[in-house]
Amino acid sequence: MRSATIVLGALLCACSSQPAPAATEPPFTATPVATFDEPWAMTFLPDGRLLVTEKAGRLLIVTRDGKKSAPLSGTPKVHYAGQAGLMDVALHPDFANNRIVYLSYSEPGEGGTSGTALARATLTETALENLQVIWRQEPKVTGNGHYSGRIAFSPDGYMFVTSGDRQKMEPAQDMNQNLGKVVRLTDTGMIPSTNPYYDQGRIKAQIWSLGHRNLLGIALDKAGNLWTHEIGPRGGDEFNLVRKGENYGWPKVSEGRHYGGTPIPAHLTDPKFIPPKVSWTPVISPAGLIIYSGDLFPEWKGSALIGGLSSEALVRVAIDGQSAREAERFEMGRRIREVEQGPDGAVWLLEDDAGGRLLKLTPSQ
């Protein structure tokens, strides 16, 4: 059955369709550092400590030897249910001078609705101060899934935010809603005049790309290429090279099927939709993404490192210019929610769910 799936992908998809490499002996030692309650994201501060979010709404400062602060005050009120909660955390490019951080989270609305929101605040040792919401999903909808909420800054200081389709599907193609999109903003939440639809209304002006499902990873490589991954339906997880103004097809096309088994046309059945560079069936359920640039693992330099939820793995995708392929997969035995690179080039992982550990990966001796 798996071989048939691969052949079908080769016929209908321009993406990488080789069989997933067998899990290999990892070239690293994974050292547990700390344990959390449903951790979701982390980022390193300039002094080497980490900021770690927990989905229920807590933000903590953590030393590299695992000492955790008390939860910081001033975090936003979150809608906490299902996939909803406090999500990504990122530093302003000039954080060393302004102490500004960004948080994405599920913001409660009226009548049981919610939506992804993006806030910025000033970080102190014990609190977030002057919290300001600078972007929201519109409209807020019911349900507790597909918020996305990953944040990345480009070298020129613009901010990309992933906005999931909230399991509603059709909004991903609706230019009057910002669900199912990658949006591009300034550091204060304004809309850059260089966005592709800048002069076509407030919502449309935010949009950088469309036709996305649930994007739980975003990163730029050294050449400035913007990469995302997204969880597919029944099959068809995607690793995409995201371009200005392009349409990635969801829910009109996919390399997977609907959960009930109903087929979805593949990307190459309609040339206006951009196919993924890599597609996974069976899925890996990707979460967290970095483009590795360190020296501790020289063979990984320039590769994407992706956490796997259902696959319980760390997945390495080799990038060659604008092409990509899965190169290695390392079994971790737990759902991996987040991946980060430390100041010394070590790779740090957060396991998912209650009791999720912070792991530091260093080369095997």
Protein backbone atom coordinates (compact mmCIF):
# COMPACT_ATOMS: atom_id res chain seq x y z
CA MET A 1 0.00 0.00 0.00
CA ARG A 2 2.80 2.40 0.85
CA SER A 3 4.52 1.76 -2.50
CA ALA A 4 1.29 2.55 -4.32
CA THR A 5 1.06 5.83 -2.44
CA ILE A 6 4.60 6.74 -3.46
CA VAL A 7 3.94 5.96 -7.13
CA LEU A 8 0.76 8.01 -7.11
CA GLY A 9 2.64 10.92 -5.56
CA ALA A 10 5.30 10.70 -8.26
CA LEU A 11 2.61 10.95 -10.94
CA LEU A 12 0.61 13.78 -9.43
CA CYS A 13 3.02 15.84 -7.35
CA ALA A 14 6.11 17.86 -8.20
CA CYS A 15 7.22 17.61 -4.59
CA SER A 16 9.82 15.22 -3.22
CA SER A 17 8.13 11.80 -3.17
CA GLN A 18 10.90 9.39 -2.25
CA PRO A 19 10.17 6.96 0.57
CA ALA A 20 10.97 8.33 4.00
CA PRO A 21 14.47 7.26 5.05
CA ALA A 22 14.60 4.62 7.72
CA ALA A 23 15.17 5.92 11.22
CA THR A 24 18.92 6.15 11.72
CA GLU A 25 21.17 5.96 14.74
CA PRO A 26 21.27 9.51 16.06
CA PRO A 27 24.60 11.34 16.02
CA PHE A 28 23.65 13.07 19.25
CA THR A 29 23.07 12.56 22.95
CA ALA A 30 19.77 13.92 24.28
CA THR A 31 20.12 15.32 27.79
CA PRO A 32 16.94 16.18 29.75
CA VAL A 33 17.17 19.65 31.28
CA ALA A 34 13.72 20.48 32.69
CA THR A 35 10.08 19.37 32.60
CA PHE A 36 7.02 21.44 31.75
CA ASP A 37 3.24 21.22 31.61
CA GLU A 38 2.22 21.28 27.94
CA PRO A 39 5.11 23.37 26.62
CA TRP A 40 4.55 24.90 23.18
CA ALA A 41 7.45 27.16 22.20
CA MET A 42 10.80 28.58 23.29
CA THR A 43 13.35 31.15 22.25
CA PHE A 44 16.79 32.08 23.55
CA LEU A 45 17.50 35.38 25.26
CA PRO A 46 20.82 37.14 24.53
CA ASP A 47 22.22 36.00 27.91
CA GLY A 48 21.64 32.33 27.03
CA ARG A 49 18.49 31.78 29.10
CA LEU A 50 15.28 30.67 27.45
CA LEU A 51 11.71 31.90 27.35
CA VAL A 52 9.32 28.92 27.37
CA THR A 53 5.54 29.05 26.88
CA GLU A 54 3.09 26.59 28.39
CA LYS A 55 -0.22 26.21 26.62
CA ALA A 56 -2.41 27.03 29.63
CA GLY A 57 -1.05 30.59 29.52
CA ARG A 58 2.24 30.58 31.43
CA LEU A 59 5.53 32.15 30.30
CA LEU A 60 8.72 31.19 32.14
CA ILE A 61 12.38 32.17 32.07
CA VAL A 62 14.59 29.08 32.18
CA THR A 63 18.34 28.78 32.61
CA ARG A 64 20.28 26.37 30.43
CA ASP A 65 20.75 24.10 33.46
CA GLY A 66 16.98 23.89 33.97
CA LYS A 67 16.19 26.40 36.72
CA LYS A 68 12.72 27.83 36.08
CA SER A 69 11.36 31.18 37.18
CA ALA A 70 7.87 31.61 38.56
CA PRO A 71 5.35 32.26 35.76
CA LEU A 72 5.68 35.85 34.61
CA SER A 73 2.78 38.19 35.32
CA GLY A 74 1.13 40.25 32.59
CA THR A 75 0.58 37.46 30.08
CA PRO A 76 -2.64 37.68 28.03
CA LYS A 77 -5.82 35.83 28.91
CA VAL A 78 -5.98 32.77 26.65
CA HIS A 79 -8.71 30.46 25.44
CA TYR A 80 -7.34 27.11 26.64
CA ALA A 81 -8.98 24.03 25.09
CA GLY A 82 -7.98 21.46 22.48
CA GLN A 83 -5.19 23.02 20.42
CA ALA A 84 -5.89 26.47 21.88
CA GLY A 85 -3.73 28.32 24.37
CA LEU A 86 -0.51 30.31 24.64
CA MET A 87 1.62 29.49 21.63
CA ASP A 88 4.72 31.05 20.11
CA VAL A 89 7.22 33.48 21.63
CA ALA A 90 9.73 35.55 19.67
CA LEU A 91 12.14 38.41 20.33
CA HIS A 92 12.14 41.75 18.57
CA PRO A 93 15.21 42.02 16.29
CA ASP A 94 16.49 44.84 18.53
CA PHE A 95 15.54 43.08 21.78
CA ALA A 96 18.92 43.79 23.37
CA ASN A 97 17.99 47.48 23.40
CA ASN A 98 14.18 47.54 23.67
CA ARG A 99 13.32 44.28 25.57
CA ILE A 100 10.25 43.73 23.34
CA VAL A 101 8.86 40.21 22.95
CA TYR A 102 5.98 38.83 20.89
CA LEU A 103 3.44 36.20 21.90
CA SER A 104 0.82 34.42 19.82
CA TYR A 105 -2.17 32.92 21.58
CA SER A 106 -5.80 31.87 21.26
CA GLU A 107 -7.89 34.89 22.17
CA PRO A 108 -11.42 34.24 23.47
CA GLY A 109 -14.30 35.95 21.68
CA GLU A 110 -18.05 36.19 22.06
CA GLY A 111 -20.44 33.27 21.81
CA GLY A 112 -17.84 30.55 22.24
CA THR A 113 -15.60 31.84 19.45
CA SER A 114 -11.85 32.37 19.50
CA GLY A 115 -9.01 33.28 17.19
CA THR A 116 -5.26 33.63 17.01
CA ALA A 117 -3.95 36.96 18.30
CA LEU A 118 -0.48 38.48 18.31
CA ALA A 119 0.68 40.72 21.14
CA ARG A 120 3.90 42.53 21.98
CA ALA A 121 5.14 43.58 25.40
CA THR A 122 8.24 44.64 27.30
CA LEU A 123 9.98 41.86 29.22
CA THR A 124 11.27 42.30 32.77
CA GLU A 125 12.62 39.62 35.09
CA THR A 126 9.17 38.98 36.55
CA ALA A 127 6.57 40.34 34.16
CA LEU A 128 5.38 41.42 30.75
CA GLU A 129 4.59 45.14 30.76
CA ASN A 130 2.60 47.32 28.35
CA LEU A 131 1.04 44.34 26.56
CA GLN A 132 -0.56 45.42 23.29
CA VAL A 133 -2.47 43.26 20.80
CA ILE A 134 -1.22 44.19 17.33
CA TRP A 135 -2.92 41.61 15.08
CA ARG A 136 -5.92 39.26 15.19
CA GLN A 137 -7.50 36.55 13.07
CA GLU A 138 -10.69 37.85 11.51
CA PRO A 139 -13.29 36.59 11.97
CA LYS A 140 -13.19 34.70 15.25
CA VAL A 141 -14.90 31.32 14.82
CA THR A 142 -16.00 28.32 16.90
CA GLY A 143 -13.83 25.24 17.44
CA ASN A 144 -10.49 24.61 19.12
CA GLY A 145 -8.14 23.70 16.30
CA HIS A 146 -5.73 24.97 13.64
CA TYR A 147 -4.65 28.27 15.18
CA SER A 148 -1.06 28.04 13.84
CA GLY A 149 0.50 31.23 15.31
CA ARG A 150 4.17 30.79 14.45
CA ILE A 151 6.30 33.95 14.20
CA ALA A 152 9.47 34.73 12.20
CA PHE A 153 11.35 37.95 11.44
CA SER A 154 13.10 38.54 8.12
CA PRO A 155 16.52 40.25 8.02
CA ASP A 156 14.86 43.50 6.88
CA GLY A 157 12.76 43.56 10.07
CA TYR A 158 9.38 42.46 8.77
CA MET A 159 7.38 39.89 10.70
CA PHE A 160 5.69 36.80 9.24
CA VAL A 161 2.86 35.16 11.21
CA THR A 162 1.13 31.89 10.31
CA SER A 163 -2.65 31.91 10.53
CA GLY A 164 -4.41 28.52 10.45
CA ASP A 165 -7.69 27.74 8.71
CA ARG A 166 -9.33 26.92 12.08
CA GLN A 167 -10.61 23.63 10.57
CA LYS A 168 -13.08 25.63 8.45
CA MET A 169 -11.18 24.97 5.18
CA GLU A 170 -12.86 27.43 2.79
CA PRO A 171 -11.52 30.60 4.51
CA ALA A 172 -8.05 29.61 3.29
CA GLN A 173 -9.15 30.72 -0.20
CA ASP A 174 -11.23 33.72 0.94
CA MET A 175 -9.27 36.95 0.57
CA ASN A 176 -11.70 38.77 2.86
CA GLN A 177 -10.58 36.61 5.81
CA ASN A 178 -7.05 36.19 7.15
CA LEU A 179 -7.53 32.53 8.15
CA GLY A 180 -5.45 29.97 6.26
CA LYS A 181 -2.79 32.54 5.35
CA VAL A 182 0.75 33.70 6.02
CA VAL A 183 0.54 37.40 6.94
CA ARG A 184 3.36 39.94 6.81
CA LEU A 185 3.49 42.88 9.21
CA THR A 186 5.86 45.51 10.53
CA ASP A 187 7.25 45.10 14.04
CA THR A 188 4.37 47.24 15.37
CA GLY A 189 1.66 45.34 13.49
CA MET A 190 1.28 47.79 10.61
CA ILE A 191 0.92 46.60 7.02
CA PRO A 192 3.98 47.04 4.77
CA SER A 193 3.33 48.84 1.49
CA THR A 194 5.34 46.11 -0.28
CA ASN A 195 2.77 43.41 0.55
CA PRO A 196 1.24 41.94 -2.63
CA TYR A 197 -2.33 43.14 -2.01
CA TYR A 198 -1.52 46.33 -0.11
CA ASP A 199 -4.05 48.57 -1.87
CA GLN A 200 -6.95 46.08 -1.83
CA GLY A 201 -8.49 46.54 1.63
CA ARG A 202 -7.27 46.09 5.22
CA ILE A 203 -7.59 42.29 5.49
CA LYS A 204 -6.34 41.49 2.01
CA ALA A 205 -3.42 43.87 2.49
CA GLN A 206 -2.05 41.71 5.35
CA ILE A 207 -1.80 38.57 3.21
CA TRP A 208 1.59 37.33 1.98
CA SER A 209 0.41 33.88 0.82
CA LEU A 210 -2.81 31.88 0.96
CA GLY A 211 -4.25 28.39 0.69
CA HIS A 212 -2.74 27.04 3.92
CA ARG A 213 -4.16 24.60 6.48
CA ASN A 214 -2.33 24.47 9.84
CA LEU A 215 1.18 25.91 9.75
CA LEU A 216 3.18 25.02 12.86
CA GLY A 217 6.61 25.99 11.60
CA ILE A 218 8.16 28.98 9.81
CA ALA A 219 11.80 29.97 9.23
CA LEU A 220 14.02 31.83 6.79
CA ASP A 221 17.22 30.35 5.41
CA LYS A 222 20.52 32.15 4.87
CA ALA A 223 19.53 33.10 1.32
CA GLY A 224 16.32 34.73 2.56
CA ASN A 225 13.96 32.00 1.39
CA LEU A 226 10.87 31.62 3.58
CA TRP A 227 10.02 28.02 4.49
CA THR A 228 6.91 26.75 6.26
CA HIS A 229 5.42 23.38 7.01
CA GLU A 230 1.82 22.49 7.61
CA ILE A 231 -0.16 19.54 8.84
CA GLY A 232 -2.20 17.96 6.06
CA PRO A 233 -5.54 16.16 6.33
CA ARG A 234 -5.39 12.36 6.05
CA GLY A 235 -1.91 12.31 4.55
CA GLY A 236 -0.22 15.15 2.73
CA ASP A 237 1.83 17.01 5.35
CA GLU A 238 3.72 19.72 3.47
CA PHE A 239 7.07 21.54 3.48
CA ASN A 240 6.68 24.69 1.40
CA LEU A 241 8.84 27.42 -0.07
CA VAL A 242 6.55 30.40 0.47
CA ARG A 243 6.55 33.16 -2.13
CA LYS A 244 4.89 36.56 -2.22
CA GLY A 245 1.27 36.39 -3.39
CA GLU A 246 1.24 32.66 -4.16
CA ASN A 247 -1.62 30.24 -3.50
CA TYR A 248 -0.75 26.86 -1.94
CA GLY A 249 -4.11 25.34 -2.71
CA TRP A 250 -5.84 24.24 0.48
CA PRO A 251 -8.62 23.02 0.47
CA LYS A 252 -8.95 22.87 -3.33
CA VAL A 253 -5.90 20.65 -3.70
CA SER A 254 -3.80 18.51 -1.36
CA GLU A 255 -1.48 15.51 -1.39
CA GLY A 256 -3.80 13.91 1.19
CA ARG A 257 -7.46 12.99 1.54
CA HIS A 258 -10.23 14.22 3.78
CA TYR A 259 -10.50 12.32 7.07
CA GLY A 260 -13.65 10.58 5.83
CA GLY A 261 -11.68 9.24 2.88
CA THR A 262 -13.03 11.59 0.22
CA PRO A 263 -10.31 12.28 -2.37
CA ILE A 264 -8.87 15.76 -2.87
CA PRO A 265 -7.33 16.68 -6.24
CA ALA A 266 -3.51 16.80 -6.17
CA HIS A 267 -1.66 20.08 -6.67
CA LEU A 268 -0.64 19.36 -10.25
CA THR A 269 -4.24 19.04 -11.35
CA ASP A 270 -4.39 22.85 -11.26
CA PRO A 271 -1.24 24.81 -12.16
CA LYS A 272 -2.32 27.96 -10.30
CA PHE A 273 -1.60 26.19 -7.00
CA ILE A 274 1.97 25.82 -5.74
CA PRO A 275 2.92 22.24 -4.77
CA PRO A 276 5.00 21.47 -1.69
CA LYS A 277 8.70 20.81 -1.98
CA VAL A 278 8.29 17.77 0.29
CA SER A 279 5.08 15.91 1.13
CA TRP A 280 4.59 13.16 3.71
CA THR A 281 2.15 10.24 3.54
CA PRO A 282 2.17 8.64 6.10
CA VAL A 283 2.26 11.92 7.95
CA ILE A 284 4.87 13.18 10.40
CA SER A 285 2.62 15.90 11.96
CA PRO A 286 5.31 18.60 11.81
CA ALA A 287 5.71 21.11 14.65
CA GLY A 288 8.57 23.52 15.19
CA LEU A 289 11.12 24.45 12.54
CA ILE A 290 14.63 25.86 12.36
CA ILE A 291 17.18 26.18 9.59
CA TYR A 292 20.31 24.96 11.33
CA SER A 293 23.37 27.23 11.11
CA GLY A 294 25.61 26.00 13.93
CA ASP A 295 28.98 24.27 14.00
CA LEU A 296 28.31 21.43 16.47
CA PHE A 297 26.55 19.42 13.74
CA PRO A 298 28.37 20.53 10.55
CA GLU A 299 26.58 17.93 8.43
CA TRP A 300 23.27 19.60 9.32
CA LYS A 301 24.27 23.14 8.36
CA GLY A 302 21.66 24.67 6.05
CA SER A 303 19.15 21.86 6.72
CA ALA A 304 15.68 22.25 8.16
CA LEU A 305 15.12 20.50 11.49
CA ILE A 306 11.47 19.68 12.16
CA GLY A 307 9.79 18.20 15.22
CA GLY A 308 7.33 15.39 14.64
CA LEU A 309 4.20 14.96 16.77
CA SER A 310 2.56 11.74 15.58
CA SER A 311 5.91 10.52 14.19
CA GLU A 312 7.64 11.13 17.55
CA ALA A 313 10.75 12.10 15.66
CA LEU A 314 13.25 14.77 14.74
CA VAL A 315 13.21 15.08 10.95
CA ARG A 316 16.07 16.59 8.93
CA VAL A 317 15.19 18.03 5.53
CA ALA A 318 18.15 18.84 3.28
CA ILE A 319 17.71 22.12 1.38
CA ASP A 320 19.52 22.75 -1.90
CA GLY A 321 18.64 26.22 -3.14
CA GLN A 322 14.90 26.03 -3.77
CA SER A 323 14.72 22.22 -3.62
CA ALA A 324 14.32 20.02 -0.55
CA ARG A 325 14.20 16.35 0.45
CA GLU A 326 13.92 14.42 3.68
CA ALA A 327 17.43 13.28 4.54
CA GLU A 328 17.20 11.69 8.00
CA ARG A 329 14.70 10.83 10.68
CA PHE A 330 15.63 10.23 14.31
CA GLU A 331 13.21 8.43 16.61
CA MET A 332 12.71 10.35 19.87
CA GLY A 333 10.02 8.21 21.50
CA ARG A 334 7.88 11.24 22.40
CA ARG A 335 5.88 13.84 20.50
CA ILE A 336 8.20 16.73 19.62
CA ARG A 337 6.51 20.14 19.73
CA GLU A 338 9.38 22.61 19.28
CA VAL A 339 12.93 22.87 17.93
CA GLU A 340 15.45 25.65 18.63
CA GLN A 341 19.15 26.23 18.12
CA GLY A 342 21.18 27.27 21.14
CA PRO A 343 23.94 29.89 21.19
CA ASP A 344 26.67 27.23 21.01
CA GLY A 345 25.04 25.30 18.14
CA ALA A 346 23.36 22.66 20.30
CA VAL A 347 19.82 21.71 19.26
CA TRP A 348 17.07 22.03 21.85
CA LEU A 349 13.73 20.22 21.74
CA LEU A 350 10.49 20.50 23.68
CA GLU A 351 8.37 17.40 24.07
CA ASP A 352 4.61 17.82 23.86
CA ASP A 353 1.87 17.43 26.48
CA ALA A 354 2.00 17.16 30.27
CA GLY A 355 5.47 16.26 31.51
CA GLY A 356 7.07 17.43 28.27
CA ARG A 357 10.82 17.63 28.72
CA LEU A 358 13.31 20.19 27.51
CA LEU A 359 16.09 18.24 25.79
CA LYS A 360 19.55 19.43 24.77
CA LEU A 361 21.11 17.57 21.83
CA THR A 362 24.89 17.53 21.63
CA PRO A 363 27.18 15.39 19.43
CA SER A 364 27.71 11.82 20.60
CA GLN A 365 31.12 11.18 22.07
